[in-house]
Protein backbone atom coordinates (compact mmCIF):
# COMPACT_ATOMS: atom_id res chain seq x y z
CA MET A 1 37.40 -12.03 13.86
CA THR A 2 34.83 -13.59 10.87
CA LEU A 3 32.29 -14.10 13.42
CA PHE A 4 32.06 -10.39 14.14
CA ARG A 5 32.20 -9.68 10.44
CA ALA A 6 29.36 -11.52 9.67
CA LEU A 7 27.38 -10.35 13.30
CA ALA A 8 28.35 -7.02 12.01
CA LEU A 9 26.60 -7.46 8.31
CA ILE A 10 23.75 -9.51 9.24
CA ALA A 11 22.59 -6.21 11.21
CA GLY A 12 23.72 -3.79 8.74
CA VAL A 13 21.32 -5.28 6.01
CA THR A 14 18.16 -5.68 8.46
CA SER A 15 18.43 -2.53 9.66
CA ALA A 16 18.59 -1.16 5.82
CA CYS A 17 16.06 -3.67 4.52
CA ASP A 18 13.76 -1.95 7.52
CA VAL A 19 11.78 -5.09 8.18
CA LEU A 20 11.65 -4.93 11.94
CA PRO A 21 8.61 -2.32 12.59
CA GLN A 22 8.84 1.41 13.46
CA PRO A 23 7.06 2.99 16.60
CA GLY A 24 3.62 4.24 15.13
CA ASP A 25 3.43 1.74 12.64
CA THR A 26 0.31 0.22 12.24
CA GLN A 27 -0.44 -2.93 12.71
CA GLY A 28 -1.49 -4.52 9.39
CA ILE A 29 -0.33 -7.45 7.66
CA GLN A 30 0.56 -7.31 4.10
CA HIS A 31 -0.83 -10.43 2.26
CA ALA A 32 -1.07 -9.67 -1.22
CA GLY A 33 1.62 -7.41 -3.19
CA GLU A 34 1.30 -7.19 -7.01
CA TRP A 35 4.11 -4.97 -8.84
CA ASP A 36 3.66 -4.84 -12.07
CA GLN A 37 5.84 -2.41 -14.33
CA HIS A 38 3.54 -2.73 -17.44
CA GLY A 39 0.60 -1.50 -15.72
CA ARG A 40 -2.45 0.56 -15.15
CA ILE A 41 -4.57 0.68 -12.23
CA ILE A 42 -8.30 -0.25 -12.95
CA VAL A 43 -10.83 1.47 -10.46
CA ASP A 44 -14.42 -0.70 -11.18
CA THR A 45 -16.92 0.63 -9.22
CA ASP A 46 -20.90 -1.30 -8.98
CA PRO A 47 -22.72 1.20 -7.35
CA ARG A 48 -25.70 -1.34 -7.18
CA TYR A 49 -23.42 -4.18 -5.24
CA THR A 50 -22.01 -1.08 -3.24
CA LEU A 51 -18.57 -2.82 -4.70
CA VAL A 52 -15.07 -0.77 -6.02
CA ARG A 53 -13.00 -3.10 -7.27
CA LEU A 54 -8.35 -1.81 -7.34
CA ARG A 55 -6.78 -4.20 -10.51
CA ALA A 56 -3.64 -3.48 -12.90
CA ASP A 57 -4.31 -4.12 -15.53
CA THR A 58 -0.92 -4.60 -17.58
CA GLY A 59 -1.30 -4.25 -20.71
CA LEU A 60 0.99 -1.06 -21.68
CA ALA A 61 4.08 -1.19 -23.89
CA GLU A 62 5.81 1.31 -21.89
CA ARG A 63 7.31 1.72 -18.28
CA HIS A 64 4.90 2.11 -16.52
CA ASP A 65 4.79 1.29 -12.48
CA VAL A 66 2.44 -0.24 -10.10
CA VAL A 67 2.03 -1.39 -6.41
CA VAL A 68 -1.26 -3.10 -5.28
CA ALA A 69 -1.34 -4.64 -1.59
CA ARG A 70 -3.93 -5.70 0.59
CA PHE A 71 -4.06 -5.28 4.53
CA ASP A 72 -5.37 -7.61 7.05
CA PHE A 73 -6.02 -5.73 10.35
CA ASP A 74 -7.71 -7.01 13.19
CA PRO A 75 -7.53 -4.16 16.41
CA SER A 76 -9.05 -6.70 19.22
CA ASP A 77 -9.86 -10.06 20.52
CA ALA A 78 -13.73 -9.17 20.18
CA VAL A 79 -15.45 -10.82 16.74
CA GLY A 80 -16.01 -8.44 14.03
CA ASP A 81 -13.56 -5.36 14.40
CA GLU A 82 -11.66 -6.75 11.39
CA TYR A 83 -11.24 -5.44 8.49
CA ALA A 84 -8.50 -5.09 5.17
CA LEU A 85 -7.47 -1.86 3.48
CA THR A 86 -6.19 -2.49 -0.87
CA VAL A 87 -3.99 -0.08 -1.98
CA ALA A 88 -3.10 0.63 -5.01
CA LEU A 89 -0.19 3.16 -6.03
CA ASP A 90 0.69 4.91 -9.66
CA LEU A 91 4.31 5.24 -9.62
CA GLY A 92 4.92 6.08 -13.57
CA ASP A 93 8.61 5.04 -13.83
CA VAL A 94 9.89 4.04 -10.05
CA ARG A 95 13.50 4.02 -11.75
CA ARG A 96 13.17 8.04 -11.52
CA LEU A 97 12.06 7.93 -7.87
CA SER A 98 15.36 8.80 -5.61
CA ALA A 99 15.44 6.29 -2.32
CA ASN A 100 14.81 7.41 0.57
CA HIS A 101 12.72 9.80 -0.73
CA PRO A 102 8.63 11.13 0.48
CA TYR A 103 7.14 11.49 -2.45
CA PRO A 104 3.46 13.07 -1.67
CA LEU A 105 0.04 10.66 -2.72
CA GLY A 106 -3.01 11.58 -4.41
CA ASP A 107 -1.07 14.66 -6.27
CA PHE A 108 2.60 13.35 -7.52
CA ILE A 109 2.06 9.33 -6.77
CA PRO A 110 -2.13 8.84 -7.82
CA ALA A 111 -3.71 6.65 -4.98
CA TYR A 112 -5.89 4.88 -4.46
CA ALA A 113 -8.20 2.33 -1.85
CA THR A 114 -11.02 0.15 -0.68
CA VAL A 115 -11.66 -1.36 3.01
CA THR A 116 -13.18 -4.29 3.66
CA CYS A 117 -15.59 -4.63 7.39
CA LEU A 118 -18.25 -5.49 8.37
CA CYS A 119 -19.94 -2.61 8.82
CA ARG A 120 -21.49 0.23 6.10
CA PRO A 121 -20.77 -0.27 2.56
CA LEU A 122 -17.81 2.09 2.08
CA ARG A 123 -16.80 3.84 -1.39
CA PRO A 124 -13.28 5.73 -1.87
CA ASP A 125 -13.11 9.36 -1.79
CA SER A 126 -8.85 10.43 -1.52
CA VAL A 127 -5.32 9.15 -0.46
CA ARG A 128 -3.03 11.43 1.19
CA GLY A 129 0.25 11.01 2.39
CA THR A 130 3.02 10.23 1.50
CA TYR A 131 4.96 7.18 -0.06
CA VAL A 132 8.99 6.37 0.26
CA VAL A 133 10.88 3.98 -2.39
CA GLN A 134 13.30 1.81 -0.64
CA THR A 135 15.18 -1.23 -2.27
CA ARG A 136 13.98 -1.62 -6.11
CA GLY A 137 15.61 -4.74 -7.06
CA LEU A 138 14.47 -6.75 -10.35
CA ARG A 139 11.70 -8.95 -8.38
CA GLN A 140 10.42 -6.70 -5.34
CA LEU A 141 10.02 -3.51 -5.44
CA ALA A 142 9.72 -2.81 -1.19
CA GLY A 143 9.10 0.55 0.48
CA ARG A 144 7.16 2.55 3.05
CA ILE A 145 3.81 4.45 3.23
CA ASP A 146 1.98 7.25 5.79
CA ALA A 147 -1.31 7.36 4.82
CA THR A 148 -4.92 8.35 5.79
CA LEU A 149 -6.79 6.50 3.33
CA TYR A 150 -10.62 8.32 3.19
CA PHE A 151 -14.44 6.82 2.23
CA THR A 152 -17.88 7.91 2.07
CA ALA A 153 -20.81 5.93 3.14
CA TRP A 154 -22.82 4.79 -0.22
CA ASP A 155 -26.11 6.10 1.44
CA ASN A 156 -25.46 9.21 3.05
CA ALA A 157 -22.87 11.54 1.86
CA SER A 158 -22.13 13.46 5.45
CA LYS A 159 -21.26 10.41 6.91
CA HIS A 160 -16.82 9.43 5.57
CA ALA A 161 -14.71 6.88 7.53
CA THR A 162 -10.71 7.31 7.77
CA TYR A 163 -8.20 4.67 8.12
CA ARG A 164 -4.96 5.36 8.88
CA LEU A 165 -2.25 3.27 6.84
CA HIS A 166 1.18 4.11 8.18
CA GLN A 167 3.61 0.61 7.64
CA ARG A 168 6.25 -1.26 5.49
CA ILE A 169 5.02 -1.96 1.73
CA HIS A 170 6.21 -4.48 -0.50
CA GLY A 171 5.15 -5.81 -4.02
CA VAL A 172 6.51 -8.90 -5.76
CA ARG A 173 7.00 -8.65 -10.17
CA PRO A 174 4.13 -12.08 -11.23
């Protein structure tokens, strides 16, 4: 009887935490995810080197939650099609967000993204989609992001690229 209860508990916790991929998820692997409770997002742009950096400035005194995460993608066995997406979300006070409720990215939750690839240098335009908070702990914040990331070529404003990001995202406090 106790084995049955233990298995039921494990199944319930696993399904509630959304650890397993869902149908339609992108195949990125999250290699970094930082959650800062007293931060703001800094977008450093250096047009001379066609470079954009996203980081969290943690110098704020009041509560302001930000998440910066990096996802690596390798869509095929071929060399040269790998890319990495870095996403920064400005959640405000995450304690005011309801769990399992989709919040729009861009307007309600400011969001920024960069892409690193062996392609034409791209500068970020916008991030549109939704973010859902799933769990908030003392040291970790977990949720799901369903977004389209829009970019424009640095040297030609008529050239655009989009990337999809639909999967679990988490941030850990340093």
